Amino acid sequence: MKPVDLAKKLRREAAFGPAALDRGKAVLMAAIRQEAERTRRPAIMPQLPYEDIRAALSFLERAFGFHEIPASRIVGGDGELLHALVEFGDGVIGIGGQGAHGAVSPKSAGVESQYISVYIADLDAHHQRALAAGARIANGPRDHATGYRSYEALDLEGHRWRFLQPMPEVSP
């Protein structure tokens, strides 16, 4: 990316009117977001295979509250979406097609091979959101002796997701 003196550019454009300043602000914020997206990555990033990546992204956003990282999209010459990253909190997961590195969707394989745990702030609200979006609930909300409350859901292709929330500590 070529360095630009954005402050100087904004001052020059602002002289032509407030609309130019708004456009400049939008450009600046987009550049900041793009740089942050490029540099912020966790140490471990699981990759999940899906038959239909676009449908998976839509479902993960609606049902579980994930957010796609737009700059991560890899699109083939025919317009097919090949890979994307989604984030939740400080976690990132890759969403890709089947066959890459021998991975297949549980929908194709007919069996679950793993589950992913996600820590959330409000388990009951998250559970209701997942239900409303059509997630298949494998295990409803329950408390554990380990001090967590959890539920498990299957996404549209059968990947298992375990959502957890720490339970409040009770004074003796």
Protein backbone atom coordinates (compact mmCIF):
# COMPACT_ATOMS: atom_id res chain seq x y z
CA MET A 1 0.00 0.00 0.00
CA LYS A 2 1.43 3.39 -1.03
CA PRO A 3 1.79 5.81 1.93
CA VAL A 4 -0.54 8.79 1.68
CA ASP A 5 -0.67 11.89 3.86
CA LEU A 6 -4.38 11.46 4.57
CA ALA A 7 -4.61 14.53 6.81
CA LYS A 8 -3.24 16.76 4.01
CA LYS A 9 -5.54 15.09 1.48
CA LEU A 10 -8.58 15.57 3.76
CA ARG A 11 -7.79 19.28 4.34
CA ARG A 12 -7.49 19.85 0.60
CA GLU A 13 -10.78 18.02 -0.14
CA ALA A 14 -12.61 19.67 2.79
CA ALA A 15 -12.11 23.04 1.11
CA PHE A 16 -14.54 21.85 -1.58
CA GLY A 17 -17.35 21.04 0.85
CA PRO A 18 -18.54 18.92 3.73
CA ALA A 19 -19.43 15.99 1.46
CA ALA A 20 -15.78 15.68 0.48
CA LEU A 21 -14.80 15.57 4.14
CA ASP A 22 -17.32 12.77 4.77
CA ARG A 23 -15.93 10.81 1.82
CA GLY A 24 -12.40 11.36 3.11
CA LYS A 25 -13.36 10.16 6.56
CA ALA A 26 -14.89 7.00 5.05
CA VAL A 27 -11.68 6.35 3.06
CA LEU A 28 -9.54 6.83 6.17
CA MET A 29 -11.68 4.48 8.28
CA ALA A 30 -11.66 1.85 5.52
CA ALA A 31 -7.85 2.04 5.34
CA ILE A 32 -7.58 1.64 9.12
CA ARG A 33 -9.95 -1.36 9.12
CA GLN A 34 -8.13 -2.98 6.21
CA GLU A 35 -4.75 -2.63 7.93
CA ALA A 36 -6.15 -4.01 11.20
CA GLU A 37 -7.72 -6.98 9.37
CA ARG A 38 -4.45 -7.76 7.66
CA THR A 39 -2.35 -7.79 10.85
CA ARG A 40 -4.71 -9.18 13.52
CA ARG A 41 -4.68 -12.98 13.57
CA PRO A 42 -4.78 -15.54 16.38
CA ALA A 43 -1.97 -18.07 16.83
CA ILE A 44 -4.26 -21.00 15.95
CA MET A 45 -6.92 -20.79 13.26
CA PRO A 46 -9.11 -23.83 12.50
CA GLN A 47 -10.35 -24.34 8.96
CA LEU A 48 -13.78 -25.88 8.32
CA PRO A 49 -14.86 -27.42 4.99
CA TYR A 50 -18.32 -26.72 3.55
CA GLU A 51 -20.11 -27.82 0.39
CA ASP A 52 -21.67 -24.35 0.08
CA ILE A 53 -19.41 -21.63 1.48
CA ARG A 54 -21.80 -18.74 0.81
CA ALA A 55 -24.67 -20.50 2.60
CA ALA A 56 -22.34 -21.36 5.49
CA LEU A 57 -21.24 -17.73 5.90
CA SER A 58 -24.83 -16.52 5.89
CA PHE A 59 -25.87 -19.15 8.45
CA LEU A 60 -22.90 -18.54 10.78
CA GLU A 61 -23.67 -14.81 10.80
CA ARG A 62 -27.43 -15.22 11.36
CA ALA A 63 -27.42 -18.12 13.81
CA PHE A 64 -24.23 -17.69 15.80
CA GLY A 65 -23.28 -14.01 15.39
CA PHE A 66 -20.02 -14.49 13.50
CA HIS A 67 -18.76 -11.68 11.25
CA GLU A 68 -17.02 -12.23 7.95
CA ILE A 69 -13.68 -10.48 7.46
CA PRO A 70 -14.37 -9.04 3.97
CA ALA A 71 -10.71 -8.62 2.99
CA SER A 72 -10.19 -12.37 3.51
CA ARG A 73 -12.43 -13.49 0.65
CA ILE A 74 -10.83 -15.59 -2.07
CA VAL A 75 -12.98 -15.78 -5.20
CA GLY A 76 -12.25 -17.98 -8.22
CA GLY A 77 -12.25 -16.77 -11.80
CA ASP A 78 -15.80 -18.05 -12.24
CA GLY A 79 -17.03 -16.03 -9.25
CA GLU A 80 -17.14 -19.05 -6.93
CA LEU A 81 -16.28 -18.24 -3.33
CA LEU A 82 -13.30 -20.43 -2.42
CA HIS A 83 -12.42 -19.28 1.11
CA ALA A 84 -13.27 -16.67 3.72
CA LEU A 85 -12.53 -15.94 7.37
CA VAL A 86 -15.11 -15.31 10.07
CA GLU A 87 -14.48 -13.84 13.49
CA PHE A 88 -16.15 -13.91 16.86
CA GLY A 89 -14.53 -11.94 19.64
CA ASP A 90 -10.81 -12.50 19.23
CA GLY A 91 -11.23 -15.86 17.45
CA VAL A 92 -11.00 -16.47 13.71
CA ILE A 93 -12.07 -19.53 11.71
CA GLY A 94 -11.43 -20.26 8.05
CA ILE A 95 -14.38 -21.37 5.91
CA GLY A 96 -13.39 -23.22 2.75
CA GLY A 97 -14.48 -25.75 0.22
CA GLN A 98 -14.21 -29.49 0.46
CA GLY A 99 -11.20 -31.43 -0.70
CA ALA A 100 -8.62 -28.91 0.45
CA HIS A 101 -6.09 -30.94 2.41
CA GLY A 102 -8.47 -33.92 2.39
CA ALA A 103 -11.12 -32.21 4.52
CA VAL A 104 -14.81 -32.88 3.91
CA SER A 105 -17.99 -31.49 5.40
CA PRO A 106 -19.87 -33.67 7.90
CA LYS A 107 -22.78 -33.42 5.44
CA SER A 108 -20.72 -35.27 2.82
CA ALA A 109 -18.89 -37.58 5.22
CA GLY A 110 -22.01 -38.54 7.17
CA VAL A 111 -20.13 -38.18 10.46
CA GLU A 112 -18.96 -35.41 12.79
CA SER A 113 -15.21 -35.38 13.30
CA GLN A 114 -14.71 -32.46 15.69
CA TYR A 115 -16.43 -29.67 17.59
CA ILE A 116 -15.47 -26.09 18.22
CA SER A 117 -15.95 -24.35 21.56
CA VAL A 118 -16.90 -20.66 21.59
CA TYR A 119 -17.10 -18.57 24.77
CA ILE A 120 -20.00 -16.12 24.80
CA ALA A 121 -21.41 -13.47 27.15
CA ASP A 122 -25.12 -14.41 27.17
CA LEU A 123 -25.73 -18.12 26.57
CA ASP A 124 -29.53 -18.04 26.77
CA ALA A 125 -29.88 -15.16 24.29
CA HIS A 126 -27.37 -16.83 21.96
CA HIS A 127 -29.31 -20.11 22.19
CA GLN A 128 -32.55 -18.31 21.23
CA ARG A 129 -30.81 -16.62 18.29
CA ALA A 130 -29.52 -19.98 17.04
CA LEU A 131 -32.98 -21.56 17.35
CA ALA A 132 -34.61 -18.68 15.48
CA ALA A 133 -32.09 -19.05 12.63
CA GLY A 134 -32.77 -22.78 12.27
CA ALA A 135 -29.74 -24.29 14.03
CA ARG A 136 -30.25 -27.89 15.11
CA ILE A 137 -29.77 -28.01 18.88
CA ALA A 138 -27.85 -31.16 19.88
CA ASN A 139 -27.81 -30.43 23.62
CA GLY A 140 -29.87 -27.66 25.19
CA PRO A 141 -28.54 -25.21 27.77
CA ARG A 142 -27.25 -26.88 30.91
CA ASP A 143 -25.03 -26.12 33.89
CA HIS A 144 -21.81 -28.03 34.52
CA ALA A 145 -19.98 -28.71 37.79
CA THR A 146 -16.93 -27.11 36.16
CA GLY A 147 -18.55 -23.67 36.53
CA TYR A 148 -19.78 -23.26 32.96
CA ARG A 149 -23.16 -23.25 31.28
CA SER A 150 -23.25 -24.59 27.72
CA TYR A 151 -25.31 -25.75 24.77
CA GLU A 152 -24.36 -27.50 21.54
CA ALA A 153 -25.71 -26.86 18.06
CA LEU A 154 -25.14 -28.23 14.58
CA ASP A 155 -24.81 -25.84 11.67
CA LEU A 156 -26.41 -26.33 8.26
CA GLU A 157 -23.80 -28.93 7.22
CA GLY A 158 -23.44 -30.73 10.55
CA HIS A 159 -20.40 -29.08 12.15
CA ARG A 160 -20.85 -29.20 15.93
CA TRP A 161 -20.50 -25.95 17.88
CA ARG A 162 -20.30 -25.84 21.67
CA PHE A 163 -21.13 -22.46 23.21
CA LEU A 164 -20.06 -21.77 26.80
CA GLN A 165 -20.59 -19.05 29.38
CA PRO A 166 -18.94 -18.92 32.82
CA MET A 167 -21.53 -19.18 35.59
CA PRO A 168 -21.47 -16.49 38.27
CA GLU A 169 -19.58 -17.50 41.38
CA VAL A 170 -21.83 -18.12 44.37
CA SER A 171 -20.56 -17.04 47.78
CA PRO A 172 -20.83 -19.75 50.49
